[in-house]
């Protein structure tokens, strides 16, 4: 008797259960783990992004510490504020050797004011990173177009720190050794190598901003030292044999070059030289990227980005970082940094390059020295070469 069902009914029920089970399995097969994961990830970033945007609006404030330059980074910050008017931005500007000590002094006093710092590579690497006052930028990246490394040069994100997560490089401008000349005294067509600069005819006619003091010349001297075809021997000959005069002040250096006191200047400053040229003074820069030695790229003075730990406005900071590294943010950056006296190139490869002079763009297939890699940030061996060379020059 059992459950009281006849044999035909029991057969029908068993068959129905089997059919239902079969189609359930097929449905599970059609939704692969990969599909489920992709959908979950997509929704995950949207949810997180909405929380960040709402959190930033509630914070209502953002403190940016920016390399001063000619106001380029301030202009970029203004573009962000147009997009997010509910967030009031306080912009603290200065050079790296001013902002670095200021931030550290504020933190020692228990004042955690800075959210984000943007500038050259030296201050983040030599001041903030060893002091462990940074949060990982990598963990702050949310937007898929920012996280997607295929959108970036050579298909990856570049970091200066050896852990590859704290000091993000978003600029990779073709850079030389920062060498300028007086156009009345020098014919640039006679030069196609750095080694042409240490010919006897230029002895006593070369000026250099002191490569050991803080400033963009540190980038230039690192490029010279770590480029295989140039290297320590070039620096030794330049500073020991060529009677180079050192200057502490960039405007003084530009004036001396313009009035013909010197024919060639190392590290006179690209923007200062181009400002002087725009004023009709006889100065210009060698196009060292066209010389036979391997060219280099660097973050320059405005292309490295860090997130301070214990940031007072963490949501606004993350919102700004993602906007800056987005295509929209990088287009805004390139627009304000490409002027008659300056040229910078984003590390994003999907950002239009038309605004960058053709001769100053990165070229596909060229093996560039990335001057801001961790192994190229070490200054101690460079200073040893410079100290020895200058000591030898003083003995003559």
Protein backbone atom coordinates (compact mmCIF):
# COMPACT_ATOMS: atom_id res chain seq x y z
CA UNK A 1 0.00 0.00 0.00
CA UNK A 2 2.87 2.40 0.92
CA UNK A 3 1.88 5.98 0.29
CA UNK A 4 -1.29 4.92 -1.42
CA UNK A 5 -0.18 5.97 -4.96
CA UNK A 6 -0.67 3.62 -7.86
CA UNK A 7 2.34 2.34 -9.83
CA UNK A 8 1.67 4.67 -12.85
CA UNK A 9 1.60 7.74 -10.57
CA UNK A 10 4.81 6.72 -8.79
CA UNK A 11 6.52 6.28 -12.17
CA UNK A 12 5.33 9.70 -13.30
CA UNK A 13 6.65 11.42 -10.15
CA UNK A 14 10.06 9.75 -10.37
CA UNK A 15 10.35 10.79 -14.02
CA UNK A 16 9.41 14.41 -13.21
CA UNK A 17 12.02 14.66 -10.45
CA UNK A 18 14.70 13.26 -12.76
CA UNK A 19 13.87 15.74 -15.53
CA UNK A 20 13.91 18.67 -13.08
CA UNK A 21 17.30 17.62 -11.69
CA UNK A 22 18.77 17.28 -15.21
CA UNK A 23 17.75 20.78 -16.29
CA UNK A 24 18.97 22.26 -13.00
CA UNK A 25 22.42 20.83 -13.69
CA UNK A 26 22.43 22.27 -17.21
CA UNK A 27 21.49 25.68 -15.87
CA UNK A 28 24.37 25.56 -13.43
CA UNK A 29 26.77 24.62 -16.23
CA UNK A 30 25.66 27.58 -18.35
CA UNK A 31 26.70 30.00 -15.58
CA UNK A 32 30.42 29.44 -15.26
CA UNK A 33 32.40 30.51 -12.18
CA UNK A 34 34.23 33.05 -14.33
CA UNK A 35 30.99 34.72 -15.42
CA UNK A 36 29.76 34.93 -11.86
CA UNK A 37 33.07 36.35 -10.65
CA UNK A 38 33.19 38.99 -13.41
CA UNK A 39 29.66 40.12 -12.63
CA UNK A 40 30.37 40.24 -8.91
CA UNK A 41 33.57 42.25 -9.48
CA UNK A 42 31.75 44.70 -11.71
CA UNK A 43 29.10 45.29 -9.11
CA UNK A 44 31.71 45.36 -6.35
CA UNK A 45 33.64 48.32 -7.79
CA UNK A 46 30.42 50.23 -8.48
CA UNK A 47 29.26 49.80 -4.91
CA UNK A 48 32.66 50.83 -3.56
CA UNK A 49 32.84 53.82 -5.92
CA UNK A 50 29.42 55.08 -4.84
CA UNK A 51 30.50 54.82 -1.20
CA UNK A 52 33.69 56.78 -1.94
CA UNK A 53 31.82 59.54 -3.80
CA UNK A 54 29.23 59.86 -1.04
CA UNK A 55 31.91 59.75 1.65
CA UNK A 56 33.90 62.46 -0.13
CA UNK A 57 30.85 64.70 -0.30
CA UNK A 58 30.27 64.28 3.40
CA UNK A 59 33.92 65.10 4.16
CA UNK A 60 33.58 68.16 1.94
CA UNK A 61 37.27 68.98 1.95
CA UNK A 62 40.59 67.88 0.44
CA UNK A 63 44.16 68.99 1.22
CA UNK A 64 46.55 68.76 -1.73
CA UNK A 65 50.27 69.47 -1.33
CA UNK A 66 51.54 70.33 -4.79
CA UNK A 67 54.84 71.14 -6.47
CA UNK A 68 54.62 74.84 -7.22
CA UNK A 69 56.08 75.11 -10.73
CA UNK A 70 54.10 77.59 -12.80
CA UNK A 71 50.73 76.68 -11.33
CA UNK A 72 50.10 73.60 -13.50
CA UNK A 73 49.06 71.29 -10.68
CA UNK A 74 46.84 73.96 -9.16
CA UNK A 75 45.06 74.21 -12.52
CA UNK A 76 44.56 70.43 -12.55
CA UNK A 77 43.07 70.59 -9.05
CA UNK A 78 40.69 73.29 -10.26
CA UNK A 79 39.41 70.92 -12.97
CA UNK A 80 38.66 68.31 -10.32
CA UNK A 81 36.80 70.88 -8.25
CA UNK A 82 34.62 71.77 -11.25
CA UNK A 83 33.55 68.13 -11.44
CA UNK A 84 33.02 67.79 -7.68
CA UNK A 85 32.04 71.28 -6.45
CA UNK A 86 30.91 69.95 -3.07
CA UNK A 87 34.55 69.28 -2.16
CA UNK A 88 36.51 72.37 -1.10
CA UNK A 89 40.19 72.04 -1.98
CA UNK A 90 43.02 73.57 0.02
CA UNK A 91 46.15 73.75 -2.16
CA UNK A 92 49.50 74.03 -0.41
CA UNK A 93 52.27 74.70 -2.93
CA UNK A 94 56.03 74.77 -2.84
CA UNK A 95 59.10 72.87 -3.96
CA UNK A 96 59.80 69.37 -2.75
CA UNK A 97 62.53 70.53 -0.37
CA UNK A 98 59.96 72.85 1.24
CA UNK A 99 56.87 70.63 1.31
CA UNK A 100 58.63 67.48 2.49
CA UNK A 101 60.00 69.01 5.72
CA UNK A 102 56.74 70.90 6.24
CA UNK A 103 54.59 67.75 6.11
CA UNK A 104 56.95 65.85 8.41
CA UNK A 105 57.00 68.75 10.90
CA UNK A 106 53.20 68.90 10.87
CA UNK A 107 52.96 65.19 11.59
CA UNK A 108 55.48 65.39 14.44
CA UNK A 109 53.22 68.03 15.96
CA UNK A 110 50.23 65.70 15.65
CA UNK A 111 48.75 67.64 12.72
CA UNK A 112 47.75 65.25 9.96
CA UNK A 113 46.75 67.79 7.33
CA UNK A 114 47.99 66.46 3.98
CA UNK A 115 45.81 64.04 2.03
CA UNK A 116 47.74 63.78 -1.24
CA UNK A 117 51.17 64.95 -2.41
CA UNK A 118 52.11 65.46 -6.08
CA UNK A 119 55.60 66.43 -7.19
CA UNK A 120 58.88 65.02 -8.38
CA UNK A 121 60.25 61.62 -7.34
CA UNK A 122 62.90 62.68 -4.82
CA UNK A 123 60.80 63.87 -1.86
CA UNK A 124 58.38 60.91 -1.82
CA UNK A 125 61.24 58.42 -2.18
CA UNK A 126 63.82 59.95 0.16
CA UNK A 127 61.53 61.53 2.79
CA UNK A 128 58.05 59.98 2.92
CA UNK A 129 58.76 56.38 1.96
CA UNK A 130 61.54 55.67 4.50
CA UNK A 131 59.47 57.39 7.21
CA UNK A 132 56.57 54.98 6.46
CA UNK A 133 54.02 57.79 6.30
CA UNK A 134 52.30 56.57 3.12
CA UNK A 135 49.30 54.38 2.39
CA UNK A 136 49.48 52.14 -0.69
CA UNK A 137 48.22 53.90 -3.79
CA UNK A 138 47.59 50.49 -5.32
CA UNK A 139 44.85 49.81 -2.75
CA UNK A 140 43.20 53.15 -3.54
CA UNK A 141 42.65 52.42 -7.24
CA UNK A 142 38.99 51.65 -7.95
CA UNK A 143 37.91 52.71 -11.45
CA UNK A 144 38.36 49.83 -13.93
CA UNK A 145 39.96 52.16 -16.50
CA UNK A 146 42.59 53.09 -13.91
CA UNK A 147 43.15 49.57 -12.61
CA UNK A 148 43.45 48.18 -16.17
CA UNK A 149 47.21 48.20 -16.75
CA UNK A 150 46.79 47.74 -20.51
CA UNK A 151 45.86 51.44 -20.60
CA UNK A 152 49.35 52.38 -19.42
CA UNK A 153 52.77 52.53 -21.06
CA UNK A 154 54.28 49.07 -21.56
CA UNK A 155 51.13 47.52 -20.12
CA UNK A 156 51.81 48.18 -16.46
CA UNK A 157 51.69 50.66 -13.62
CA UNK A 158 55.01 52.23 -12.66
CA UNK A 159 56.01 52.83 -9.07
CA UNK A 160 59.20 54.36 -7.72
CA UNK A 161 59.33 52.42 -4.46
CA UNK A 162 60.72 48.84 -4.47
CA UNK A 163 57.44 47.49 -3.10
CA UNK A 164 55.60 48.76 -6.19
CA UNK A 165 52.61 50.19 -4.38
CA UNK A 166 53.31 53.54 -2.71
CA UNK A 167 54.76 56.10 -5.17
CA UNK A 168 52.79 56.06 -8.42
CA UNK A 169 54.34 57.56 -11.57
CA UNK A 170 51.74 58.93 -13.98
CA UNK A 171 54.12 60.98 -16.17
CA UNK A 172 56.83 59.61 -18.42
CA UNK A 173 58.29 62.51 -20.37
CA UNK A 174 61.26 62.03 -22.65
CA UNK A 175 64.17 63.58 -20.76
CA UNK A 176 67.79 64.26 -21.46
CA UNK A 177 70.56 65.47 -19.23
CA UNK A 178 69.03 68.94 -18.96
CA UNK A 179 71.75 70.67 -20.98
CA UNK A 180 71.27 74.22 -22.29
CA UNK A 181 73.38 76.54 -24.43
CA UNK A 182 73.86 80.14 -25.54
CA UNK A 183 72.63 80.18 -29.14
CA UNK A 184 75.06 82.96 -30.10
CA UNK A 185 78.07 80.97 -28.94
CA UNK A 186 77.09 77.38 -29.70
CA UNK A 187 75.88 75.63 -32.85
CA UNK A 188 73.71 72.72 -31.64
CA UNK A 189 74.15 70.88 -34.95
CA UNK A 190 77.77 70.21 -33.99
CA UNK A 191 76.62 67.95 -31.15
CA UNK A 192 75.26 64.40 -31.41
CA UNK A 193 76.66 62.92 -28.20
CA UNK A 194 77.18 63.89 -24.57
CA UNK A 195 80.86 63.24 -25.07
CA UNK A 196 81.02 66.23 -27.45
CA UNK A 197 80.45 68.39 -24.37
CA UNK A 198 83.78 67.43 -22.81
CA UNK A 199 85.93 68.44 -25.78
CA UNK A 200 88.82 70.76 -24.81
CA UNK A 201 87.29 73.72 -26.69
CA UNK A 202 84.56 73.98 -24.03
CA UNK A 203 86.90 73.98 -21.05
CA UNK A 204 86.12 76.91 -18.75
CA UNK A 205 82.92 77.67 -20.66
CA UNK A 206 80.56 75.34 -18.81
CA UNK A 207 78.26 76.24 -15.92
CA UNK A 208 76.38 73.75 -13.77
CA UNK A 209 73.77 74.10 -11.11
CA UNK A 210 75.21 72.26 -8.12
CA UNK A 211 74.06 68.65 -8.69
CA UNK A 212 74.19 67.87 -4.97
CA UNK A 213 71.57 70.35 -3.80
CA UNK A 214 67.85 69.59 -3.92
CA UNK A 215 66.13 70.19 -7.24
CA UNK A 216 65.39 68.78 -10.68
CA UNK A 217 69.12 68.51 -11.38
CA UNK A 218 69.08 65.32 -9.32
CA UNK A 219 66.96 63.74 -12.04
CA UNK A 220 69.39 64.93 -14.69
CA UNK A 221 72.49 63.70 -12.91
CA UNK A 222 70.86 60.32 -12.27
CA UNK A 223 70.12 59.99 -15.98
CA UNK A 224 73.75 60.76 -16.82
CA UNK A 225 75.12 58.35 -14.22
CA UNK A 226 72.85 55.39 -14.94
CA UNK A 227 72.82 55.61 -18.75
CA UNK A 228 75.32 52.96 -19.82
CA UNK A 229 76.87 54.95 -22.70
CA UNK A 230 77.48 57.96 -20.43
CA UNK A 231 77.95 56.85 -16.85
CA UNK A 232 80.38 57.72 -14.04
CA UNK A 233 83.31 58.36 -16.39
CA UNK A 234 81.47 61.19 -18.11
CA UNK A 235 80.67 62.86 -14.78
CA UNK A 236 84.26 62.40 -13.65
CA UNK A 237 85.64 64.08 -16.77
CA UNK A 238 83.03 66.85 -16.77
CA UNK A 239 83.58 67.95 -13.18
CA UNK A 240 87.31 67.27 -12.88
CA UNK A 241 88.67 68.33 -16.29
CA UNK A 242 86.37 71.01 -17.73
CA UNK A 243 86.75 73.75 -15.07
CA UNK A 244 82.99 73.74 -14.48
CA UNK A 245 81.63 76.58 -12.35
CA UNK A 246 78.89 75.59 -9.89
CA UNK A 247 75.86 77.78 -9.23
CA UNK A 248 73.38 77.54 -6.37
CA UNK A 249 70.64 79.63 -7.96
CA UNK A 250 68.80 78.75 -11.16
CA UNK A 251 67.92 82.31 -12.22
CA UNK A 252 71.52 83.38 -11.80
CA UNK A 253 72.57 80.43 -13.95
CA UNK A 254 70.11 81.41 -16.68
CA UNK A 255 71.31 85.03 -16.60
CA UNK A 256 74.95 83.99 -16.88
CA UNK A 257 74.16 81.74 -19.82
CA UNK A 258 72.06 84.39 -21.58
CA UNK A 259 74.66 87.16 -21.26
CA UNK A 260 77.43 84.93 -22.62
CA UNK A 261 79.46 84.50 -19.47
CA UNK A 262 79.17 80.77 -20.17
CA UNK A 263 78.41 78.85 -23.37
CA UNK A 264 76.84 75.71 -21.90
CA UNK A 265 74.86 75.01 -18.74
CA UNK A 266 73.98 71.73 -17.07
CA UNK A 267 70.71 71.67 -15.10
CA UNK A 268 69.75 75.30 -15.71
CA UNK A 269 66.10 74.25 -15.65
CA UNK A 270 63.98 73.59 -18.70
CA UNK A 271 61.16 76.00 -17.82
CA UNK A 272 63.57 78.80 -16.89
CA UNK A 273 65.44 78.40 -20.16
CA UNK A 274 62.24 78.36 -22.21
CA UNK A 275 60.92 81.44 -20.38
CA UNK A 276 64.13 83.26 -21.22
CA UNK A 277 63.94 82.13 -24.85
CA UNK A 278 60.33 83.39 -25.06
CA UNK A 279 61.64 86.76 -23.90
CA UNK A 280 64.06 86.82 -26.83
CA UNK A 281 67.21 85.89 -24.92
CA UNK A 282 69.78 83.74 -26.81
CA UNK A 283 69.31 80.49 -24.90
CA UNK A 284 67.88 77.07 -25.76
CA UNK A 285 68.12 73.40 -24.85
CA UNK A 286 70.01 70.68 -26.67
CA UNK A 287 67.67 68.00 -28.05
CA UNK A 288 69.58 65.29 -26.22
CA UNK A 289 66.85 62.71 -26.87
CA UNK A 290 68.09 62.70 -30.48
CA UNK A 291 71.70 62.06 -29.52
CA UNK A 292 73.22 58.64 -29.97
CA UNK A 293 73.07 57.67 -26.30
CA UNK A 294 69.97 55.86 -25.01
CA UNK A 295 67.17 58.32 -24.21
CA UNK A 296 65.46 58.39 -20.83
CA UNK A 297 62.04 59.16 -19.41
CA UNK A 298 61.21 60.49 -15.97
CA UNK A 299 58.35 61.79 -13.86
CA UNK A 300 59.88 65.26 -13.90
CA UNK A 301 58.76 67.68 -11.20
CA UNK A 302 55.02 67.01 -11.33
CA UNK A 303 54.55 63.33 -12.17
CA UNK A 304 54.67 61.29 -8.98
CA UNK A 305 51.72 60.78 -6.64
CA UNK A 306 51.39 59.57 -3.05
CA UNK A 307 48.57 59.06 -0.55
CA UNK A 308 49.52 60.10 2.97
CA UNK A 309 48.55 57.68 5.72
CA UNK A 310 46.12 58.89 8.39
CA UNK A 311 44.77 61.24 5.72
CA UNK A 312 42.09 63.48 7.25
CA UNK A 313 39.83 63.12 4.20
CA UNK A 314 40.39 59.55 2.97
CA UNK A 315 37.36 59.35 0.69
CA UNK A 316 38.06 62.67 -1.01
CA UNK A 317 41.70 61.62 -1.42
CA UNK A 318 40.75 58.34 -3.13
CA UNK A 319 38.21 60.13 -5.31
CA UNK A 320 40.83 62.63 -6.44
CA UNK A 321 43.46 59.94 -7.11
CA UNK A 322 41.10 57.92 -9.30
CA UNK A 323 39.95 61.01 -11.17
CA UNK A 324 43.52 62.19 -11.76
CA UNK A 325 44.59 58.79 -13.12
CA UNK A 326 41.50 58.42 -15.30
CA UNK A 327 41.58 59.36 -18.97
CA UNK A 328 39.66 62.53 -18.16
CA UNK A 329 42.12 63.52 -15.44
CA UNK A 330 45.18 62.81 -17.53
CA UNK A 331 43.83 64.81 -20.46
CA UNK A 332 43.29 67.72 -18.06
CA UNK A 333 46.86 67.28 -16.80
CA UNK A 334 48.38 67.24 -20.30
CA UNK A 335 46.41 70.31 -21.35
CA UNK A 336 47.76 72.48 -18.55
CA UNK A 337 51.33 71.13 -18.58
CA UNK A 338 51.95 71.44 -22.32
CA UNK A 339 52.75 75.09 -22.94
CA UNK A 340 55.35 77.03 -24.95
CA UNK A 341 57.73 76.65 -21.99
CA UNK A 342 56.95 73.11 -20.87
CA UNK A 343 55.99 69.66 -22.12
CA UNK A 344 54.82 66.60 -20.17
CA UNK A 345 53.49 63.24 -21.39
CA UNK A 346 51.08 61.01 -19.49
CA UNK A 347 51.95 57.37 -18.93
CA UNK A 348 48.43 56.54 -20.13
CA UNK A 349 48.59 55.46 -23.76
CA UNK A 350 44.93 56.24 -24.51
CA UNK A 351 45.40 59.97 -23.90
CA UNK A 352 45.69 62.04 -27.13
CA UNK A 353 49.27 63.20 -27.76
CA UNK A 354 48.60 65.93 -30.34
CA UNK A 355 49.28 68.68 -27.81
CA UNK A 356 52.82 67.35 -27.22
CA UNK A 357 55.47 68.53 -29.72
CA UNK A 358 56.37 65.54 -31.97
CA UNK A 359 60.05 65.74 -31.10
CA UNK A 360 59.24 65.43 -27.39
CA UNK A 361 56.87 62.44 -27.52
CA UNK A 362 57.80 58.92 -26.50
CA UNK A 363 58.42 56.73 -29.54
CA UNK A 364 57.12 53.17 -29.72
CA UNK A 365 59.88 50.59 -29.91
CA UNK A 366 62.57 52.81 -28.37
CA UNK A 367 64.31 51.34 -25.32
CA UNK A 368 64.09 54.17 -22.77
CA UNK A 369 65.88 54.29 -19.47
CA UNK A 370 63.14 54.77 -16.87
CA UNK A 371 65.10 57.06 -14.58
CA UNK A 372 62.78 56.73 -11.59
CA UNK A 373 63.11 53.00 -11.00
CA UNK A 374 64.14 52.16 -7.41
CA UNK A 375 67.61 51.00 -8.43
CA UNK A 376 68.23 54.35 -10.16
CA UNK A 377 67.16 56.50 -7.21
CA UNK A 378 70.28 55.84 -5.16
CA UNK A 379 72.39 59.02 -5.00
CA UNK A 380 75.27 57.86 -2.80
CA UNK A 381 77.48 56.40 -5.59
CA UNK A 382 76.80 59.49 -7.70
CA UNK A 383 77.87 61.83 -4.89
CA UNK A 384 81.04 59.82 -4.41
CA UNK A 385 81.97 60.33 -8.07
CA UNK A 386 81.10 64.04 -7.91
CA UNK A 387 83.02 64.64 -4.67
CA UNK A 388 86.11 62.96 -6.03
CA UNK A 389 85.91 64.81 -9.36
CA UNK A 390 85.42 68.20 -7.72
CA UNK A 391 88.28 67.51 -5.33
CA UNK A 392 90.54 66.71 -8.28
CA UNK A 393 89.45 69.92 -10.00
CA UNK A 394 90.31 71.90 -6.87
CA UNK A 395 93.82 70.48 -6.80
CA UNK A 396 94.70 71.90 -10.22
